[in-house]
Amino acid sequence: MKPLWLTIEFVPVHWNHSLIVEPILNTVNPRPYDSSRRREQARHNREAIVVAARQRFLNDGFTATTIASIAADAGTSADTIYKSFGGKAGLLRAMCTDALKGEGTIPAEQRSDAMQAAEADPRRMLRGLGAFTTEVAPRIAPLLLLLSTTAEVDPSMAQLRADFDTARLTRMTHVAQGLASKFQLRLGLSVDEAAEIMWVYSSPELYSLLVLTRGWRPERYGEFVGESLVDALLGGRDVDKGTEPLDQV
C-alpha cells in the first residue's frame, strides 16, 4: 500500500496574473489628469466677471456696484468673485492690469519693447508709441479716471491710483533710457525729464480731455501723442546719436 502522500495528485494552478498585477500597475501609474477643460472654464468665468464688473463700475460707479450684481451679470457666484479677486478693490486692480495688456495674446508692453529694440529711427519709434497709446488708452484710461473719482470717498482707491501712476512713470523712465542710449535727446533734456514728458502724454486725463470730452477719434489722439513726443523729446536733432541739431548743420 502506497503512502497517502504518494496518492495525492498535484494539479498545477494557473494564476491569472492580470487580475493581480494590473490593478497594482494602474494604482502606481494612473492616467494623467486632463485639466484643460477646467482651465478653459476658469478662464471663461474670469473673463465674464471682468466684463460684467467693467460695465457695472463705469455705468453705476464703484461705490454703488455690489459684488452680488457683478456675480449675477457674469452668471457666477459672489463667493467665486471673492475667492478669485478678494473683493471690489482687487477686482478693479486686476481689470487695470488686464487693460494695460492691450489686444491679442502678446501683452502690449512686450510688443512695445520689441518695436523699440528693432526701430532704427527715433521718430518712427515715438510715433509707434503713439500707436500703442491708441490701443491701450481706451481700455485703461476710464478705469484710472474711475479710481480718481472714487478716491474721494475711499482712500484705498487713492493708493491704487497712485500705484498705477508710479508704475507708469517707471515704465516711461525705462523707455526714455532706451531712447537716450540709442539716440540723442534734444539739447538740455535729461532722461528723467523725458520720462516725465512721456508720463504726461500717456496720462488718462489727457485722453479724457481730447477723446471723451472733445470727441477726438482714438487714432487721431495716438497720432497727436506720437508727434508731440517727437517735438518734445527730439526737437530738431538728427536721427543719429551724437549729431548736431539740424538748425545748426
Protein backbone atom coordinates (compact mmCIF):
# COMPACT_ATOMS: atom_id res chain seq x y z
CA MET A 1 0.00 0.00 0.00
CA LYS A 2 1.33 3.36 -1.05
CA PRO A 3 1.74 6.08 1.50
CA LEU A 4 -1.11 8.51 1.47
CA TRP A 5 1.01 11.39 0.28
CA LEU A 6 2.01 9.42 -2.84
CA THR A 7 -1.62 9.10 -3.92
CA ILE A 8 -2.27 12.84 -3.92
CA GLU A 9 -2.19 14.44 -7.37
CA PHE A 10 -0.77 17.94 -7.51
CA VAL A 11 -2.79 19.85 -10.05
CA PRO A 12 -0.91 22.95 -11.31
CA VAL A 13 -2.70 26.17 -10.67
CA HIS A 14 -2.58 28.74 -13.47
CA TRP A 15 -2.84 32.16 -11.96
CA ASN A 16 -4.39 34.96 -13.94
CA HIS A 17 -1.64 37.46 -13.28
CA SER A 18 -3.59 40.25 -14.90
CA LEU A 19 -6.12 40.06 -12.08
CA ILE A 20 -3.39 40.70 -9.56
CA VAL A 21 -0.75 42.77 -11.31
CA GLU A 22 -2.85 45.07 -13.46
CA PRO A 23 -4.72 46.78 -10.60
CA ILE A 24 -1.39 47.39 -8.91
CA LEU A 25 0.08 48.86 -12.07
CA ASN A 26 -2.95 51.07 -12.53
CA THR A 27 -2.50 52.30 -8.98
CA VAL A 28 1.18 53.02 -9.47
CA ASN A 29 0.80 54.63 -12.91
CA PRO A 30 -2.59 56.35 -13.03
CA ARG A 31 -3.76 58.02 -16.20
CA PRO A 32 -2.66 61.66 -16.45
CA TYR A 33 -5.41 64.06 -15.39
CA ASP A 34 -6.56 66.31 -18.20
CA SER A 35 -7.28 69.70 -16.63
CA SER A 36 -7.58 71.64 -19.88
CA ARG A 37 -11.37 71.79 -19.65
CA ARG A 38 -11.22 73.10 -16.10
CA ARG A 39 -8.64 75.74 -17.05
CA GLU A 40 -10.73 76.84 -20.00
CA GLN A 41 -13.81 77.11 -17.82
CA ALA A 42 -11.89 79.14 -15.24
CA ARG A 43 -10.62 81.47 -17.96
CA HIS A 44 -14.12 81.89 -19.34
CA ASN A 45 -15.52 82.65 -15.88
CA ARG A 46 -12.80 85.20 -15.20
CA GLU A 47 -13.44 87.00 -18.49
CA ALA A 48 -17.17 87.09 -17.80
CA ILE A 49 -16.55 88.56 -14.34
CA VAL A 50 -14.18 91.24 -15.67
CA VAL A 51 -16.58 92.26 -18.46
CA ALA A 52 -19.52 92.44 -16.07
CA ALA A 53 -17.52 94.41 -13.50
CA ARG A 54 -16.29 96.93 -16.08
CA GLN A 55 -19.84 97.62 -17.25
CA ARG A 56 -21.13 97.96 -13.71
CA PHE A 57 -18.27 100.13 -12.46
CA LEU A 58 -18.38 102.53 -15.41
CA ASN A 59 -22.18 102.73 -15.58
CA ASP A 60 -23.18 102.64 -11.91
CA GLY A 61 -19.98 103.77 -10.20
CA PHE A 62 -17.61 101.88 -7.96
CA THR A 63 -19.41 102.58 -4.68
CA ALA A 64 -22.90 101.71 -5.92
CA THR A 65 -21.81 98.46 -7.56
CA THR A 66 -22.10 95.31 -5.47
CA ILE A 67 -20.31 92.01 -5.83
CA ALA A 68 -23.72 90.34 -5.96
CA SER A 69 -24.74 92.38 -9.01
CA ILE A 70 -21.48 91.57 -10.79
CA ALA A 71 -21.93 87.88 -10.00
CA ALA A 72 -25.48 87.92 -11.36
CA ASP A 73 -24.38 89.60 -14.59
CA ALA A 74 -21.47 87.18 -15.01
CA GLY A 75 -23.54 84.10 -14.25
CA THR A 76 -21.41 83.05 -11.30
CA SER A 77 -21.47 83.29 -7.51
CA ALA A 78 -20.34 86.10 -5.26
CA ASP A 79 -18.19 83.57 -3.40
CA THR A 80 -16.29 82.82 -6.62
CA ILE A 81 -15.51 86.51 -7.10
CA TYR A 82 -14.31 86.91 -3.52
CA LYS A 83 -12.10 83.83 -3.83
CA SER A 84 -10.66 84.96 -7.17
CA PHE A 85 -10.23 88.70 -6.58
CA GLY A 86 -10.74 89.36 -2.87
CA GLY A 87 -13.43 91.98 -3.40
CA LYS A 88 -14.11 95.07 -5.49
CA ALA A 89 -10.69 96.68 -4.97
CA GLY A 90 -8.87 93.53 -6.04
CA LEU A 91 -11.20 93.16 -8.99
CA LEU A 92 -10.55 96.72 -10.15
CA ARG A 93 -6.79 96.23 -9.80
CA ALA A 94 -6.98 93.08 -11.93
CA MET A 95 -9.08 94.92 -14.51
CA CYS A 96 -6.49 97.70 -14.80
CA THR A 97 -3.68 95.18 -15.14
CA ASP A 98 -5.56 93.36 -17.89
CA ALA A 99 -6.35 96.63 -19.68
CA LEU A 100 -2.66 97.52 -19.89
CA LYS A 101 -2.02 94.32 -21.86
CA GLY A 102 -3.94 95.70 -24.83
CA GLU A 103 -5.26 93.41 -27.54
CA GLY A 104 -4.09 89.96 -28.60
CA THR A 105 -2.17 87.24 -26.83
CA ILE A 106 1.14 89.12 -26.50
CA PRO A 107 0.98 91.99 -23.95
CA ALA A 108 1.34 95.49 -25.35
CA GLU A 109 4.42 96.15 -23.20
CA GLN A 110 6.29 93.22 -24.75
CA ARG A 111 5.31 94.27 -28.26
CA SER A 112 6.36 97.84 -27.50
CA ASP A 113 9.76 96.71 -26.21
CA ALA A 114 10.30 94.64 -29.36
CA MET A 115 9.39 97.60 -31.56
CA GLN A 116 11.74 99.94 -29.70
CA ALA A 117 14.62 97.46 -29.91
CA ALA A 118 14.16 96.94 -33.65
CA GLU A 119 13.47 100.54 -34.68
CA ALA A 120 16.42 102.48 -36.08
CA ASP A 121 14.61 105.81 -36.43
CA PRO A 122 13.70 107.62 -33.18
CA ARG A 123 10.85 109.47 -34.84
CA ARG A 124 9.22 106.26 -36.03
CA MET A 125 9.84 104.79 -32.60
CA LEU A 126 7.99 107.62 -30.84
CA ARG A 127 5.17 107.52 -33.38
CA GLY A 128 4.98 103.80 -32.69
CA LEU A 129 4.49 104.58 -29.01
CA GLY A 130 1.63 106.84 -30.04
CA ALA A 131 0.07 103.92 -31.90
CA PHE A 132 0.27 101.77 -28.77
CA THR A 133 -1.48 104.60 -26.91
CA THR A 134 -4.35 104.28 -29.38
CA GLU A 135 -4.66 100.62 -28.41
CA VAL A 136 -4.24 100.82 -24.65
CA ALA A 137 -5.69 104.19 -23.61
CA PRO A 138 -9.36 103.40 -24.38
CA ARG A 139 -9.04 100.34 -22.15
CA ILE A 140 -7.15 101.75 -19.17
CA ALA A 141 -8.00 105.48 -19.06
CA PRO A 142 -11.67 105.14 -17.99
CA LEU A 143 -10.66 102.79 -15.18
CA LEU A 144 -7.93 105.11 -13.87
CA LEU A 145 -10.34 108.04 -14.02
CA LEU A 146 -12.79 105.93 -12.03
CA LEU A 147 -10.10 105.39 -9.42
CA SER A 148 -9.58 109.14 -9.15
CA THR A 149 -13.26 109.91 -8.55
CA THR A 150 -13.64 107.01 -6.12
CA ALA A 151 -10.56 108.10 -4.16
CA GLU A 152 -12.56 110.99 -2.71
CA VAL A 153 -14.60 108.53 -0.62
CA ASP A 154 -12.28 105.52 -0.49
CA PRO A 155 -8.62 106.11 0.48
CA SER A 156 -7.64 102.65 -0.76
CA MET A 157 -8.61 103.72 -4.27
CA ALA A 158 -6.33 106.75 -3.97
CA GLN A 159 -3.44 104.43 -3.16
CA LEU A 160 -4.35 102.15 -6.05
CA ARG A 161 -4.35 105.09 -8.47
CA ALA A 162 -1.00 106.25 -7.06
CA ASP A 163 0.41 102.74 -7.56
CA PHE A 164 -0.54 102.73 -11.24
CA ASP A 165 0.78 106.28 -11.75
CA THR A 166 4.10 105.26 -10.20
CA ALA A 167 4.26 102.13 -12.34
CA ARG A 168 3.57 104.21 -15.46
CA LEU A 169 6.38 106.65 -14.60
CA THR A 170 8.72 103.71 -14.04
CA ARG A 171 7.75 102.36 -17.43
CA MET A 172 8.29 105.73 -19.11
CA THR A 173 11.71 106.01 -17.45
CA HIS A 174 12.63 102.65 -18.95
CA VAL A 175 11.54 103.86 -22.39
CA ALA A 176 13.41 107.17 -22.01
CA GLN A 177 16.60 105.36 -21.02
CA GLY A 178 16.34 103.16 -24.09
CA LEU A 179 15.72 106.17 -26.31
CA ALA A 180 18.70 108.06 -24.89
CA SER A 181 21.00 105.04 -25.20
CA LYS A 182 20.28 104.63 -28.92
CA PHE A 183 19.68 108.22 -29.98
CA GLN A 184 20.24 111.78 -28.83
CA LEU A 185 17.62 113.62 -26.81
CA ARG A 186 17.06 117.28 -27.55
CA LEU A 187 19.66 119.64 -26.08
CA GLY A 188 19.32 120.20 -22.35
CA LEU A 189 16.77 117.42 -21.83
CA SER A 190 17.59 114.81 -19.20
CA VAL A 191 16.35 111.23 -19.15
CA ASP A 192 14.18 111.98 -16.11
CA GLU A 193 12.59 114.95 -17.85
CA ALA A 194 11.97 112.88 -20.97
CA ALA A 195 10.28 110.23 -18.83
CA GLU A 196 8.08 112.84 -17.16
CA ILE A 197 7.04 114.26 -20.54
CA MET A 198 6.02 110.78 -21.73
CA TRP A 199 4.25 110.25 -18.42
CA VAL A 200 2.14 113.36 -19.06
CA TYR A 201 1.29 112.41 -22.64
CA SER A 202 0.23 108.92 -21.52
CA SER A 203 -1.98 110.22 -18.71
CA PRO A 204 -5.68 109.29 -18.59
CA GLU A 205 -6.51 112.96 -18.01
CA LEU A 206 -5.17 113.96 -21.44
CA TYR A 207 -7.14 111.13 -23.05
CA SER A 208 -10.24 112.28 -21.19
CA LEU A 209 -9.90 115.87 -22.39
CA LEU A 210 -9.31 115.12 -26.06
CA VAL A 211 -11.24 111.89 -26.65
CA LEU A 212 -14.01 111.74 -24.05
CA THR A 213 -14.66 115.49 -23.80
CA ARG A 214 -13.72 116.86 -27.23
CA GLY A 215 -14.65 113.76 -29.19
CA TRP A 216 -11.33 113.02 -30.88
CA ARG A 217 -11.02 109.61 -32.50
CA PRO A 218 -8.54 107.37 -30.66
CA GLU A 219 -6.47 107.13 -33.86
CA ARG A 220 -6.18 110.91 -34.06
CA TYR A 221 -5.27 111.00 -30.40
CA GLY A 222 -2.49 108.44 -30.93
CA GLU A 223 -1.09 110.44 -33.85
CA PHE A 224 -1.12 113.58 -31.70
CA VAL A 225 0.75 111.82 -28.88
CA GLY A 226 3.37 110.44 -31.26
CA GLU A 227 4.04 113.76 -33.00
CA SER A 228 4.08 115.63 -29.69
CA LEU A 229 6.68 113.23 -28.30
CA VAL A 230 8.84 113.73 -31.40
CA ASP A 231 8.76 117.51 -30.93
CA ALA A 232 9.22 117.41 -27.16
CA LEU A 233 11.96 114.77 -26.93
CA LEU A 234 13.91 115.19 -30.16
CA GLY A 235 13.21 118.70 -31.38
CA GLY A 236 15.43 119.46 -34.38
CA ARG A 237 18.02 116.77 -33.71
CA ASP A 238 19.10 114.37 -36.43
CA VAL A 239 18.29 110.68 -36.12
CA ASP A 240 21.86 109.54 -35.43
CA LYS A 241 23.26 109.65 -31.91
CA GLY A 242 25.73 112.44 -31.35
CA THR A 243 24.85 114.67 -34.33
CA GLU A 244 24.26 118.38 -34.03
CA PRO A 245 20.80 119.96 -34.17
CA LEU A 246 19.52 120.28 -37.72
CA ASP A 247 19.24 124.06 -37.46
CA GLN A 248 22.99 124.24 -36.77
CA VAL A 249 24.11 121.97 -39.62
